[in-house]
Amino acid sequence: MKTKVMPRQTLADMAMQVYGDIRAIVTLADANNLPLTHDVPAGTMLECPETVFDKYMQEYVRNQKVSPATATEDNL
């Protein structure tokens, strides 16, 4: 599955949005050949492997349409 990065989202934000678990940052970085600290531009389509880290949280963030965006203008 692919997911579009929204403004101000980091790989950590995407890990929470897609998987409901910060540990998924490693999976996202690996699947997209990115370093863990890479600033992903808004609009980028990330490959998101079908993996479950925490089924409850994954369902919660999907059902609630959680889209965290923690980047500030200072680190964009």
Protein backbone atom coordinates (compact mmCIF):
# COMPACT_ATOMS: atom_id res chain seq x y z
CA MET A 1 0.00 0.00 0.00
CA LYS A 2 1.16 3.56 -0.61
CA THR A 3 0.43 6.57 1.57
CA LYS A 4 0.89 10.25 0.78
CA VAL A 5 2.93 12.36 3.19
CA MET A 6 1.00 15.42 4.32
CA PRO A 7 2.59 18.80 5.20
CA ARG A 8 4.70 18.76 8.37
CA GLN A 9 4.74 14.96 8.66
CA THR A 10 7.89 13.09 9.58
CA LEU A 11 8.62 9.40 9.16
CA ALA A 12 7.68 8.99 12.83
CA ASP A 13 4.33 10.68 12.16
CA MET A 14 3.75 8.35 9.24
CA ALA A 15 4.62 5.33 11.38
CA MET A 16 1.94 6.39 13.88
CA GLN A 17 -0.60 7.21 11.16
CA VAL A 18 -0.23 3.98 9.20
CA TYR A 19 0.75 1.46 11.88
CA GLY A 20 -0.21 3.05 15.20
CA ASP A 21 3.30 2.36 16.46
CA ILE A 22 6.50 4.41 16.40
CA ARG A 23 8.54 1.22 15.91
CA ALA A 24 7.23 1.11 12.33
CA ILE A 25 9.58 3.98 11.45
CA VAL A 26 12.28 1.39 10.72
CA THR A 27 9.93 -0.53 8.39
CA LEU A 28 8.97 2.66 6.53
CA ALA A 29 12.54 3.86 6.20
CA ASP A 30 13.72 0.45 4.97
CA ALA A 31 10.85 0.02 2.47
CA ASN A 32 11.56 3.45 0.99
CA ASN A 33 15.38 3.37 1.15
CA LEU A 34 15.45 6.39 3.47
CA PRO A 35 17.53 7.20 6.54
CA LEU A 36 15.49 7.27 9.78
CA THR A 37 15.96 11.03 10.12
CA HIS A 38 15.08 11.90 6.52
CA ASP A 39 12.80 14.93 6.05
CA VAL A 40 10.18 13.59 3.65
CA PRO A 41 8.66 16.31 1.44
CA ALA A 42 4.89 16.71 1.54
CA GLY A 43 3.25 14.93 -1.36
CA THR A 44 5.76 12.07 -1.37
CA MET A 45 4.15 8.66 -1.77
CA LEU A 46 5.63 6.19 0.71
CA GLU A 47 5.51 2.45 0.27
CA CYS A 48 3.90 1.01 3.42
CA PRO A 49 4.36 -2.75 3.76
CA GLU A 50 1.36 -4.68 5.07
CA THR A 51 2.63 -5.26 8.60
CA VAL A 52 0.91 -5.19 12.00
CA PHE A 53 2.74 -3.84 15.04
CA ASP A 54 -0.22 -3.16 17.34
CA LYS A 55 -3.56 -4.17 15.84
CA TYR A 56 -5.63 -2.16 18.34
CA MET A 57 -3.74 1.10 17.75
CA GLN A 58 -3.56 0.52 14.01
CA GLU A 59 -7.35 0.17 13.83
CA TYR A 60 -7.82 3.15 16.17
CA VAL A 61 -5.71 5.56 14.10
CA ARG A 62 -7.40 4.41 10.89
CA ASN A 63 -10.92 4.69 12.31
CA GLN A 64 -10.21 8.09 13.89
CA LYS A 65 -8.34 9.30 10.77
CA VAL A 66 -5.36 10.30 12.89
CA SER A 67 -2.78 12.25 10.85
CA PRO A 68 -0.05 13.44 13.21
CA ALA A 69 2.19 16.24 11.98
CA THR A 70 4.88 17.18 14.46
CA ALA A 71 7.40 18.98 12.26
CA THR A 72 7.82 22.68 12.85
CA GLU A 73 8.80 25.30 10.32
CA ASP A 74 12.25 25.34 11.93
CA ASN A 75 12.93 21.74 10.92
CA LEU A 76 11.25 21.62 7.51
